[in-house]
């Protein structure tokens, strides 16, 4: 495949997700009618790839926030004692959640 084009499978493998999950994101973003076909495979342009990756990252961030809110609410613990912050992104998410409470 060209450097500018990837198959759905190639992108899924690169992101560590299933091909069906990438296909689902493509449909959510309404890109499925805009994909080109090379041979018998649909290919994703760099611009489409960026949109797909952004959507997947947003979904991961939302899932993290929901899990953290669930832990804090159900365990009745102070956010000051939540020690599951392995990176800066999660610190920012924690600060956002703290502002909601």
PDB file of N, CA and C in Angstrom:
ATOM      1  N   UNK A   1       0.836  -1.183   0.000  1.00  0.00           N
ATOM      2  CA  UNK A   1       0.000   0.000   0.000  1.00  0.00           C
ATOM      3  C   UNK A   1       0.883   1.249   0.000  1.00  0.00           C
ATOM      4  N   UNK A   2       0.378   2.309  -0.570  1.00  0.00           N
ATOM      5  CA  UNK A   2       1.086   3.585  -0.571  1.00  0.00           C
ATOM      6  C   UNK A   2       1.236   4.098   0.856  1.00  0.00           C
ATOM      7  N   UNK A   3       2.238   4.945   1.082  1.00  0.00           N
ATOM      8  CA  UNK A   3       2.428   5.517   2.419  1.00  0.00           C
ATOM      9  C   UNK A   3       1.255   6.392   2.829  1.00  0.00           C
ATOM     10  N   UNK A   4       0.577   6.986   1.851  1.00  0.00           N
ATOM     11  CA  UNK A   4      -0.547   7.869   2.155  1.00  0.00           C
ATOM     12  C   UNK A   4      -1.858   7.109   2.330  1.00  0.00           C
ATOM     13  N   UNK A   5      -1.893   5.856   1.948  1.00  0.00           N
ATOM     14  CA  UNK A   5      -3.117   5.070   2.042  1.00  0.00           C
ATOM     15  C   UNK A   5      -2.887   3.832   2.888  1.00  0.00           C
ATOM     16  N   UNK A   6      -3.893   3.491   3.689  1.00  0.00           N
ATOM     17  CA  UNK A   6      -3.844   2.273   4.494  1.00  0.00           C
ATOM     18  C   UNK A   6      -5.157   1.549   4.346  1.00  0.00           C
ATOM     19  N   UNK A   7      -5.096   0.241   4.439  1.00  0.00           N
ATOM     20  CA  UNK A   7      -6.343  -0.522   4.475  1.00  0.00           C
ATOM     21  C   UNK A   7      -6.925  -0.412   5.887  1.00  0.00           C
ATOM     22  N   UNK A   8      -8.186  -0.765   6.022  1.00  0.00           N
ATOM     23  CA  UNK A   8      -8.827  -0.756   7.339  1.00  0.00           C
ATOM     24  C   UNK A   8      -8.076  -1.702   8.271  1.00  0.00           C
ATOM     25  N   UNK A   9      -7.678  -2.844   7.768  1.00  0.00           N
ATOM     26  CA  UNK A   9      -6.948  -3.836   8.578  1.00  0.00           C
ATOM     27  C   UNK A   9      -5.601  -3.280   9.034  1.00  0.00           C
ATOM     28  N   UNK A  10      -4.881  -2.631   8.142  1.00  0.00           N
ATOM     29  CA  UNK A  10      -3.577  -2.055   8.500  1.00  0.00           C
ATOM     30  C   UNK A  10      -3.725  -1.015   9.610  1.00  0.00           C
ATOM     31  N   UNK A  11      -4.738  -0.156   9.492  1.00  0.00           N
ATOM     32  CA  UNK A  11      -4.954   0.860  10.519  1.00  0.00           C
ATOM     33  C   UNK A  11      -5.359   0.216  11.840  1.00  0.00           C
ATOM     34  N   UNK A  12      -6.240  -0.770  11.774  1.00  0.00           N
ATOM     35  CA  UNK A  12      -6.675  -1.471  12.992  1.00  0.00           C
ATOM     36  C   UNK A  12      -5.487  -2.120  13.694  1.00  0.00           C
ATOM     37  N   UNK A  13      -4.642  -2.794  12.939  1.00  0.00           N
ATOM     38  CA  UNK A  13      -3.456  -3.443  13.516  1.00  0.00           C
ATOM     39  C   UNK A  13      -2.524  -2.413  14.153  1.00  0.00           C
ATOM     40  N   UNK A  14      -2.346  -1.298  13.473  1.00  0.00           N
ATOM     41  CA  UNK A  14      -1.474  -0.240  13.967  1.00  0.00           C
ATOM     42  C   UNK A  14      -1.993   0.348  15.287  1.00  0.00           C
ATOM     43  N   UNK A  15      -3.316   0.454  15.410  1.00  0.00           N
ATOM     44  CA  UNK A  15      -3.929   1.049  16.601  1.00  0.00           C
ATOM     45  C   UNK A  15      -4.211   0.031  17.696  1.00  0.00           C
ATOM     46  N   UNK A  16      -4.061  -1.243  17.379  1.00  0.00           N
ATOM     47  CA  UNK A  16      -4.320  -2.284  18.359  1.00  0.00           C
ATOM     48  C   UNK A  16      -5.797  -2.489  18.654  1.00  0.00           C
ATOM     49  N   UNK A  17      -6.627  -2.250  17.652  1.00  0.00           N
ATOM     50  CA  UNK A  17      -8.070  -2.465  17.784  1.00  0.00           C
ATOM     51  C   UNK A  17      -8.517  -3.395  16.665  1.00  0.00           C
ATOM     52  N   UNK A  18      -9.764  -3.829  16.730  1.00  0.00           N
ATOM     53  CA  UNK A  18     -10.251  -4.749  15.709  1.00  0.00           C
ATOM     54  C   UNK A  18     -10.634  -4.009  14.427  1.00  0.00           C
ATOM     55  N   UNK A  19     -10.626  -4.740  13.346  1.00  0.00           N
ATOM     56  CA  UNK A  19     -11.027  -4.204  12.056  1.00  0.00           C
ATOM     57  C   UNK A  19     -12.493  -3.757  12.118  1.00  0.00           C
ATOM     58  N   UNK A  20     -13.322  -4.523  12.818  1.00  0.00           N
ATOM     59  CA  UNK A  20     -14.744  -4.166  12.916  1.00  0.00           C
ATOM     60  C   UNK A  20     -14.938  -2.876  13.721  1.00  0.00           C
ATOM     61  N   UNK A  21     -14.072  -2.620  14.713  1.00  0.00           N
ATOM     62  CA  UNK A  21     -14.169  -1.373  15.475  1.00  0.00           C
ATOM     63  C   UNK A  21     -13.827  -0.182  14.590  1.00  0.00           C
ATOM     64  N   UNK A  22     -12.779  -0.300  13.785  1.00  0.00           N
ATOM     65  CA  UNK A  22     -12.413   0.775  12.856  1.00  0.00           C
ATOM     66  C   UNK A  22     -13.548   0.985  11.857  1.00  0.00           C
ATOM     67  N   UNK A  23     -14.140  -0.096  11.376  1.00  0.00           N
ATOM     68  CA  UNK A  23     -15.258   0.022  10.450  1.00  0.00           C
ATOM     69  C   UNK A  23     -16.438   0.738  11.109  1.00  0.00           C
ATOM     70  N   UNK A  24     -16.681   0.447  12.378  1.00  0.00           N
ATOM     71  CA  UNK A  24     -17.757   1.110  13.114  1.00  0.00           C
ATOM     72  C   UNK A  24     -17.492   2.615  13.209  1.00  0.00           C
ATOM     73  N   UNK A  25     -16.254   2.985  13.508  1.00  0.00           N
ATOM     74  CA  UNK A  25     -15.883   4.402  13.595  1.00  0.00           C
ATOM     75  C   UNK A  25     -16.039   5.070  12.227  1.00  0.00           C
ATOM     76  N   UNK A  26     -15.649   4.365  11.175  1.00  0.00           N
ATOM     77  CA  UNK A  26     -15.806   4.897   9.815  1.00  0.00           C
ATOM     78  C   UNK A  26     -17.277   5.202   9.540  1.00  0.00           C
ATOM     79  N   UNK A  27     -18.165   4.325   9.958  1.00  0.00           N
ATOM     80  CA  UNK A  27     -19.603   4.537   9.747  1.00  0.00           C
ATOM     81  C   UNK A  27     -20.132   5.679  10.619  1.00  0.00           C
ATOM     82  N   UNK A  28     -19.672   5.762  11.864  1.00  0.00           N
ATOM     83  CA  UNK A  28     -20.093   6.853  12.745  1.00  0.00           C
ATOM     84  C   UNK A  28     -19.703   8.200  12.148  1.00  0.00           C
ATOM     85  N   UNK A  29     -18.506   8.258  11.593  1.00  0.00           N
ATOM     86  CA  UNK A  29     -18.007   9.501  10.979  1.00  0.00           C
ATOM     87  C   UNK A  29     -18.557   9.719   9.561  1.00  0.00           C
ATOM     88  N   UNK A  30     -19.350   8.763   9.100  1.00  0.00           N
ATOM     89  CA  UNK A  30     -19.936   8.815   7.750  1.00  0.00           C
ATOM     90  C   UNK A  30     -18.873   8.905   6.651  1.00  0.00           C
ATOM     91  N   UNK A  31     -17.781   8.173   6.871  1.00  0.00           N
ATOM     92  CA  UNK A  31     -16.704   8.132   5.881  1.00  0.00           C
ATOM     93  C   UNK A  31     -16.852   6.957   4.923  1.00  0.00           C
ATOM     94  N   UNK A  32     -17.741   6.009   5.243  1.00  0.00           N
ATOM     95  CA  UNK A  32     -17.821   4.775   4.455  1.00  0.00           C
ATOM     96  C   UNK A  32     -18.165   5.029   2.990  1.00  0.00           C
ATOM     97  N   UNK A  33     -18.850   6.114   2.694  1.00  0.00           N
ATOM     98  CA  UNK A  33     -19.171   6.415   1.296  1.00  0.00           C
ATOM     99  C   UNK A  33     -18.049   7.191   0.610  1.00  0.00           C
ATOM    100  N   UNK A  34     -17.043   7.597   1.389  1.00  0.00           N
ATOM    101  CA  UNK A  34     -15.951   8.412   0.843  1.00  0.00           C
ATOM    102  C   UNK A  34     -14.641   7.650   0.685  1.00  0.00           C
ATOM    103  N   UNK A  35     -14.627   6.384   1.058  1.00  0.00           N
ATOM    104  CA  UNK A  35     -13.402   5.599   0.947  1.00  0.00           C
ATOM    105  C   UNK A  35     -13.151   5.200  -0.503  1.00  0.00           C
ATOM    106  N   UNK A  36     -11.887   5.207  -0.881  1.00  0.00           N
ATOM    107  CA  UNK A  36     -11.498   4.725  -2.206  1.00  0.00           C
ATOM    108  C   UNK A  36     -11.238   3.228  -2.116  1.00  0.00           C
ATOM    109  N   UNK A  37     -11.263   2.595  -3.257  1.00  0.00           N
ATOM    110  CA  UNK A  37     -11.016   1.159  -3.310  1.00  0.00           C
ATOM    111  C   UNK A  37      -9.809   0.899  -4.198  1.00  0.00           C
ATOM    112  N   UNK A  38      -8.876   0.106  -3.686  1.00  0.00           N
ATOM    113  CA  UNK A  38      -7.715  -0.315  -4.461  1.00  0.00           C
ATOM    114  C   UNK A  38      -7.801  -1.828  -4.540  1.00  0.00           C
ATOM    115  N   UNK A  39      -7.985  -2.334  -5.741  1.00  0.00           N
ATOM    116  CA  UNK A  39      -8.221  -3.763  -5.906  1.00  0.00           C
ATOM    117  C   UNK A  39      -9.547  -4.106  -5.263  1.00  0.00           C
ATOM    118  N   UNK A  40      -9.520  -5.021  -4.323  1.00  0.00           N
ATOM    119  CA  UNK A  40     -10.758  -5.393  -3.644  1.00  0.00           C
ATOM    120  C   UNK A  40     -10.788  -4.889  -2.200  1.00  0.00           C
ATOM    121  N   UNK A  41      -9.917  -3.916  -1.857  1.00  0.00           N
ATOM    122  CA  UNK A  41      -9.838  -3.411  -0.492  1.00  0.00           C
ATOM    123  C   UNK A  41     -10.096  -1.911  -0.449  1.00  0.00           C
ATOM    124  N   UNK A  42     -10.841  -1.503   0.584  1.00  0.00           N
ATOM    125  CA  UNK A  42     -11.035  -0.079   0.819  1.00  0.00           C
ATOM    126  C   UNK A  42      -9.802   0.485   1.490  1.00  0.00           C
ATOM    127  N   UNK A  43      -9.438   1.709   1.122  1.00  0.00           N
ATOM    128  CA  UNK A  43      -8.249   2.347   1.677  1.00  0.00           C
ATOM    129  C   UNK A  43      -8.625   3.675   2.333  1.00  0.00           C
ATOM    130  N   UNK A  44      -7.821   4.045   3.311  1.00  0.00           N
ATOM    131  CA  UNK A  44      -8.060   5.233   4.121  1.00  0.00           C
ATOM    132  C   UNK A  44      -6.960   6.240   3.819  1.00  0.00           C
ATOM    133  N   UNK A  45      -7.356   7.480   3.518  1.00  0.00           N
ATOM    134  CA  UNK A  45      -6.381   8.542   3.269  1.00  0.00           C
ATOM    135  C   UNK A  45      -5.825   9.047   4.598  1.00  0.00           C
ATOM    136  N   UNK A  46      -4.769   9.851   4.538  1.00  0.00           N
ATOM    137  CA  UNK A  46      -4.170  10.425   5.749  1.00  0.00           C
ATOM    138  C   UNK A  46      -5.196  11.273   6.513  1.00  0.00           C
ATOM    139  N   UNK A  47      -5.979  12.067   5.797  1.00  0.00           N
ATOM    140  CA  UNK A  47      -6.982  12.922   6.430  1.00  0.00           C
ATOM    141  C   UNK A  47      -8.047  12.077   7.129  1.00  0.00           C
ATOM    142  N   UNK A  48      -8.511  11.021   6.466  1.00  0.00           N
ATOM    143  CA  UNK A  48      -9.494  10.132   7.069  1.00  0.00           C
ATOM    144  C   UNK A  48      -8.898   9.405   8.273  1.00  0.00           C
ATOM    145  N   UNK A  49      -7.641   9.000   8.145  1.00  0.00           N
ATOM    146  CA  UNK A  49      -6.950   8.322   9.242  1.00  0.00           C
ATOM    147  C   UNK A  49      -6.903   9.218  10.480  1.00  0.00           C
ATOM    148  N   UNK A  50      -6.589  10.479  10.282  1.00  0.00           N
ATOM    149  CA  UNK A  50      -6.520  11.423  11.401  1.00  0.00           C
ATOM    150  C   UNK A  50      -7.882  11.541  12.089  1.00  0.00           C
ATOM    151  N   UNK A  51      -8.945  11.623  11.316  1.00  0.00           N
ATOM    152  CA  UNK A  51     -10.299  11.709  11.881  1.00  0.00           C
ATOM    153  C   UNK A  51     -10.647  10.459  12.681  1.00  0.00           C
ATOM    154  N   UNK A  52     -10.287   9.312  12.150  1.00  0.00           N
ATOM    155  CA  UNK A  52     -10.569   8.037  12.819  1.00  0.00           C
ATOM    156  C   UNK A  52      -9.795   7.946  14.133  1.00  0.00           C
ATOM    157  N   UNK A  53      -8.511   8.279  14.098  1.00  0.00           N
ATOM    158  CA  UNK A  53      -7.679   8.220  15.302  1.00  0.00           C
ATOM    159  C   UNK A  53      -8.202   9.188  16.365  1.00  0.00           C
ATOM    160  N   UNK A  54      -8.577  10.383  15.956  1.00  0.00           N
ATOM    161  CA  UNK A  54      -9.126  11.366  16.898  1.00  0.00           C
ATOM    162  C   UNK A  54     -10.380  10.826  17.566  1.00  0.00           C
ATOM    163  N   UNK A  55     -11.260  10.215  16.795  1.00  0.00           N
ATOM    164  CA  UNK A  55     -12.508   9.670  17.348  1.00  0.00           C
ATOM    165  C   UNK A  55     -12.229   8.529  18.323  1.00  0.00           C
ATOM    166  N   UNK A  56     -11.282   7.670  17.994  1.00  0.00           N
ATOM    167  CA  UNK A  56     -10.935   6.557  18.877  1.00  0.00           C
ATOM    168  C   UNK A  56     -10.333   7.086  20.180  1.00  0.00           C
ATOM    169  N   UNK A  57      -9.467   8.088  20.100  1.00  0.00           N
ATOM    170  CA  UNK A  57      -8.872   8.677  21.306  1.00  0.00           C
ATOM    171  C   UNK A  57      -9.941   9.332  22.171  1.00  0.00           C
ATOM    172  N   UNK A  58     -10.895  10.021  21.548  1.00  0.00           N
ATOM    173  CA  UNK A  58     -11.990  10.637  22.305  1.00  0.00           C
ATOM    174  C   UNK A  58     -12.794   9.570  23.046  1.00  0.00           C
ATOM    175  N   UNK A  59     -13.037   8.450  22.390  1.00  0.00           N
ATOM    176  CA  UNK A  59     -13.787   7.361  23.016  1.00  0.00           C
ATOM    177  C   UNK A  59     -13.014   6.781  24.207  1.00  0.00           C
ATOM    178  N   UNK A  60     -11.700   6.623  24.045  1.00  0.00           N
ATOM    179  CA  UNK A  60     -10.876   6.108  25.150  1.00  0.00           C
ATOM    180  C   UNK A  60     -10.892   7.075  26.328  1.00  0.00           C
ATOM    181  N   UNK A  61     -10.775   8.372  26.056  1.00  0.00           N
ATOM    182  CA  UNK A  61     -10.778   9.373  27.120  1.00  0.00           C
ATOM    183  C   UNK A  61     -12.116   9.396  27.854  1.00  0.00           C
ATOM    184  N   UNK A  62     -13.205   9.307  27.115  1.00  0.00           N
ATOM    185  CA  UNK A  62     -14.524   9.291  27.731  1.00  0.00           C
ATOM    186  C   UNK A  62     -14.697   8.059  28.610  1.00  0.00           C
ATOM    187  N   UNK A  63     -14.238   6.929  28.120  1.00  0.00           N
ATOM    188  CA  UNK A  63     -14.331   5.701  28.904  1.00  0.00           C
ATOM    189  C   UNK A  63     -13.543   5.826  30.207  1.00  0.00           C
ATOM    190  N   UNK A  64     -12.347   6.399  30.133  1.00  0.00           N
ATOM    191  CA  UNK A  64     -11.555   6.615  31.348  1.00  0.00           C
ATOM    192  C   UNK A  64     -12.309   7.496  32.336  1.00  0.00           C
ATOM    193  N   UNK A  65     -12.886   8.604  31.841  1.00  0.00           N
ATOM    194  CA  UNK A  65     -13.610   9.518  32.713  1.00  0.00           C
ATOM    195  C   UNK A  65     -14.804   8.832  33.370  1.00  0.00           C
ATOM    196  N   UNK A  66     -15.527   8.044  32.606  1.00  0.00           N
ATOM    197  CA  UNK A  66     -16.682   7.344  33.163  1.00  0.00           C
ATOM    198  C   UNK A  66     -16.263   6.346  34.233  1.00  0.00           C
ATOM    199  N   UNK A  67     -15.167   5.636  33.985  1.00  0.00           N
ATOM    200  CA  UNK A  67     -14.676   4.690  34.982  1.00  0.00           C
ATOM    201  C   UNK A  67     -14.233   5.399  36.252  1.00  0.00           C
ATOM    202  N   UNK A  68     -13.549   6.520  36.103  1.00  0.00           N
ATOM    203  CA  UNK A  68     -13.065   7.259  37.259  1.00  0.00           C
ATOM    204  C   UNK A  68     -14.226   7.824  38.066  1.00  0.00           C
ATOM    205  N   UNK A  69     -15.213   8.390  37.402  1.00  0.00           N
ATOM    206  CA  UNK A  69     -16.387   8.913  38.104  1.00  0.00           C
ATOM    207  C   UNK A  69     -17.098   7.789  38.838  1.00  0.00           C
ATOM    208  N   UNK A  70     -17.207   6.640  38.216  1.00  0.00           N
ATOM    209  CA  UNK A  70     -17.842   5.485  38.859  1.00  0.00           C
ATOM    210  C   UNK A  70     -17.081   5.075  40.117  1.00  0.00           C
ATOM    211  N   UNK A  71     -15.770   5.015  40.027  1.00  0.00           N
ATOM    212  CA  UNK A  71     -14.949   4.649  41.183  1.00  0.00           C
ATOM    213  C   UNK A  71     -15.139   5.656  42.310  1.00  0.00           C
ATOM    214  N   UNK A  72     -15.048   6.928  41.975  1.00  0.00           N
ATOM    215  CA  UNK A  72     -15.146   7.977  42.990  1.00  0.00           C
ATOM    216  C   UNK A  72     -16.527   7.983  43.635  1.00  0.00           C
ATOM    217  N   UNK A  73     -17.574   7.886  42.833  1.00  0.00           N
ATOM    218  CA  UNK A  73     -18.944   7.947  43.362  1.00  0.00           C
ATOM    219  C   UNK A  73     -19.320   6.698  44.153  1.00  0.00           C
ATOM    220  N   UNK A  74     -19.002   5.541  43.643  1.00  0.00           N
ATOM    221  CA  UNK A  74     -19.421   4.303  44.294  1.00  0.00           C
ATOM    222  C   UNK A  74     -18.557   3.924  45.491  1.00  0.00           C
ATOM    223  N   UNK A  75     -17.333   4.364  45.497  1.00  0.00           N
ATOM    224  CA  UNK A  75     -16.453   4.009  46.608  1.00  0.00           C
ATOM    225  C   UNK A  75     -16.401   5.105  47.666  1.00  0.00           C
ATOM    226  N   UNK A  76     -17.045   6.237  47.361  1.00  0.00           N
ATOM    227  CA  UNK A  76     -17.101   7.360  48.295  1.00  0.00           C
ATOM    228  C   UNK A  76     -15.697   7.733  48.782  1.00  0.00           C
ATOM    229  N   UNK A  77     -14.807   7.935  47.815  1.00  0.00           N
ATOM    230  CA  UNK A  77     -13.435   8.313  48.163  1.00  0.00           C
ATOM    231  C   UNK A  77     -13.145   9.709  47.652  1.00  0.00           C
ATOM    232  N   UNK A  78     -12.215  10.363  48.296  1.00  0.00           N
ATOM    233  CA  UNK A  78     -11.810  11.689  47.880  1.00  0.00           C
ATOM    234  C   UNK A  78     -10.941  11.584  46.631  1.00  0.00           C
ATOM    235  N   UNK A  79     -11.115  12.528  45.734  1.00  0.00           N
ATOM    236  CA  UNK A  79     -10.285  12.523  44.525  1.00  0.00           C
ATOM    237  C   UNK A  79      -8.810  12.711  44.860  1.00  0.00           C
ATOM    238  N   UNK A  80      -8.524  13.282  46.010  1.00  0.00           N
ATOM    239  CA  UNK A  80      -7.126  13.474  46.405  1.00  0.00           C
ATOM    240  C   UNK A  80      -6.404  12.151  46.612  1.00  0.00           C
ATOM    241  N   UNK A  81      -7.169  11.066  46.832  1.00  0.00           N
ATOM    242  CA  UNK A  81      -6.570   9.770  47.107  1.00  0.00           C
ATOM    243  C   UNK A  81      -6.633   8.803  45.925  1.00  0.00           C
ATOM    244  N   UNK A  82      -7.120   9.273  44.795  1.00  0.00           N
ATOM    245  CA  UNK A  82      -7.174   8.413  43.624  1.00  0.00           C
ATOM    246  C   UNK A  82      -5.776   8.328  43.031  1.00  0.00           C
ATOM    247  N   UNK A  83      -5.208   7.142  43.029  1.00  0.00           N
ATOM    248  CA  UNK A  83      -3.816   6.966  42.609  1.00  0.00           C
ATOM    249  C   UNK A  83      -3.723   6.108  41.355  1.00  0.00           C
ATOM    250  N   UNK A  84      -4.520   6.434  40.356  1.00  0.00           N
ATOM    251  CA  UNK A  84      -4.477   5.659  39.112  1.00  0.00           C
ATOM    252  C   UNK A  84      -4.171   6.590  37.946  1.00  0.00           C
ATOM    253  N   UNK A  85      -3.159   7.412  38.116  1.00  0.00           N
ATOM    254  CA  UNK A  85      -2.862   8.425  37.119  1.00  0.00           C
ATOM    255  C   UNK A  85      -1.494   8.207  36.485  1.00  0.00           C
ATOM    256  N   UNK A  86      -1.403   7.258  35.553  1.00  0.00           N
ATOM    257  CA  UNK A  86      -0.090   6.958  34.996  1.00  0.00           C
ATOM    258  C   UNK A  86       0.444   7.976  33.999  1.00  0.00           C
ATOM    259  N   UNK A  87      -0.385   8.934  33.555  1.00  0.00           N
ATOM    260  CA  UNK A  87       0.163   9.912  32.619  1.00  0.00           C
ATOM    261  C   UNK A  87      -0.519  11.268  32.746  1.00  0.00           C
ATOM    262  N   UNK A  88       0.045  12.265  32.105  1.00  0.00           N
ATOM    263  CA  UNK A  88      -0.418  13.647  32.199  1.00  0.00           C
ATOM    264  C   UNK A  88      -1.841  13.819  31.690  1.00  0.00           C
ATOM    265  N   UNK A  89      -2.205  13.103  30.639  1.00  0.00           N
ATOM    266  CA  UNK A  89      -3.562  13.191  30.096  1.00  0.00           C
ATOM    267  C   UNK A  89      -4.577  12.837  31.172  1.00  0.00           C
ATOM    268  N   UNK A  90      -4.303  11.812  31.936  1.00  0.00           N
ATOM    269  CA  UNK A  90      -5.236  11.403  32.972  1.00  0.00           C
ATOM    270  C   UNK A  90      -5.274  12.423  34.104  1.00  0.00           C
ATOM    271  N   UNK A  91      -4.175  13.118  34.381  1.00  0.00           N
ATOM    272  CA  UNK A  91      -4.176  14.180  35.381  1.00  0.00           C
ATOM    273  C   UNK A  91      -5.118  15.290  34.920  1.00  0.00           C
ATOM    274  N   UNK A  92      -5.043  15.645  33.646  1.00  0.00           N
ATOM    275  CA  UNK A  92      -5.944  16.663  33.112  1.00  0.00           C
ATOM    276  C   UNK A  92      -7.392  16.209  33.208  1.00  0.00           C
ATOM    277  N   UNK A  93      -7.640  14.929  32.915  1.00  0.00           N
ATOM    278  CA  UNK A  93      -8.993  14.400  33.009  1.00  0.00           C
ATOM    279  C   UNK A  93      -9.486  14.440  34.446  1.00  0.00           C
ATOM    280  N   UNK A  94      -8.623  14.121  35.387  1.00  0.00           N
ATOM    281  CA  UNK A  94      -8.997  14.151  36.794  1.00  0.00           C
ATOM    282  C   UNK A  94      -9.363  15.570  37.208  1.00  0.00           C
ATOM    283  N   UNK A  95      -8.577  16.550  36.765  1.00  0.00           N
ATOM    284  CA  UNK A  95      -8.891  17.939  37.091  1.00  0.00           C
ATOM    285  C   UNK A  95     -10.239  18.350  36.512  1.00  0.00           C
ATOM    286  N   UNK A  96     -10.545  17.883  35.329  1.00  0.00           N
ATOM    287  CA  UNK A  96     -11.842  18.165  34.716  1.00  0.00           C
ATOM    288  C   UNK A  96     -12.965  17.537  35.539  1.00  0.00           C
ATOM    289  N   UNK A  97     -12.796  16.287  35.925  1.00  0.00           N
ATOM    290  CA  UNK A  97     -13.816  15.606  36.723  1.00  0.00           C
ATOM    291  C   UNK A  97     -13.976  16.296  38.069  1.00  0.00           C
ATOM    292  N   UNK A  98     -12.862  16.693  38.660  1.00  0.00           N
ATOM    293  CA  UNK A  98     -12.922  17.393  39.944  1.00  0.00           C
ATOM    294  C   UNK A  98     -13.762  18.663  39.806  1.00  0.00           C
ATOM    295  N   UNK A  99     -13.660  19.354  38.680  1.00  0.00           N
ATOM    296  CA  UNK A  99     -14.429  20.587  38.479  1.00  0.00           C
ATOM    297  C   UNK A  99     -15.928  20.309  38.335  1.00  0.00           C
ATOM    298  N   UNK A 100     -16.276  19.081  37.960  1.00  0.00           N
ATOM    299  CA  UNK A 100     -17.681  18.737  37.806  1.00  0.00           C
ATOM    300  C   UNK A 100     -18.351  18.403  39.141  1.00  0.00           C
ATOM    301  N   UNK A 101     -17.550  17.987  40.117  1.00  0.00           N
ATOM    302  CA  UNK A 101     -18.123  17.539  41.409  1.00  0.00           C
ATOM    303  C   UNK A 101     -18.394  18.690  42.353  1.00  0.00           C
TER     304      UNK A 101
END
